[in-house]
């Protein structure tokens, strides 16, 4: 039998990075500035810390139950029916994330690139691409992320660093912002951008050395979180908080104002959009793969492929529910904040119960996995 434990710590970190860096990159600065004005970088950093807490909880649970996913060990911890109810909500949540990400992708493409293409076409094409790719096994899923990782991170980091030469420090002051009243909600919105760390619940059971999952998680979160903070610093430093409030996708505008040395390329928005499309694909792939993988585990099925095209129509209907761009972002913000209950609060409860009850995986499960 093929060894199910094939993913290395480096590959786990790469999966985490390419999952988190995704569709939210374009509107990241807008959400942060609306909540905290010039304090947007600080707000993003605080949101990152909450996301890091969620990762720590999930990874600690995964290391405590290295042969099981959250669907399996939650039933041992809080009971079958309570756990299954929460599992259904988690699956629905990631279906919603997939829908919102595909809709945002469609809105950007038809507005910036393919202006004569119907929105429905761009959304369904990206959904089908993610669905077909989700039929792969865990190692092929890992190779997808491994292949696209350098395309996403290094050019993106280069564009952000080059844009910093146009930044003005005065735009970043005061560091804590002028509108502290919106800080709390903004922190939760920023933390929602890191909910892709939930992928560790299916990655850890496939890792060669689950004890290294925490290090891999930290590396992945620091790289993706650092890039997010840099993006916010760059956009606020270049445009200023008040100007960003008038923009829909500040990061795209930042790429338009950035050029390579010696004017090899005077505008980098075309290159940035190509990178962003790749990042959207890896994020969509993960959220879709999570939903069908967790659903197959909930139903105790060996193969997740039968659900791939079954879920696509439902996700498409959810994606097209919003009447316009503003309503779409309102839904994304609300769903993201509520999702923290499932991705942070729920794992916290599970970890506390596991520690109180001193739960560990049963011996027969360990033997079964090792075989």
Foldseek 3Di string as FASTA:
>chain_A
DDALADDALQLLLLLLQLQLPALCLQCQLLLQCVQFFLLSLVLLVLLLVLLLLLLVLLLVVCLQALQAFQLPVVCVQPHNPVSLVLLVVLLVLLLLVLLLLLLSLLVCCCVPPVVPDDSLVSSLVLLVLLLVQLQDDPVSLSVLSVVLRCLQQPVLVVLLVQLQVQFAVVLNPPNRHDRNPSSVLSSLLSNLSSLLSSLVSVNSNRHPDSVCNSVSSVSSSCSNSVSSSSLNRSLSRNQHSVRSNVDRGSSLVSQQCGADPPRPDRGRSVSNVVSNVSSSSSNSNSSLSVSLVSVCVNVVHPGSSVCSVVSSVVSSCSSPPDPDDVSSVVVSSVSSSVCCCSSNVVSVVSVVSCVVVVDGDDPVSVVVSVD
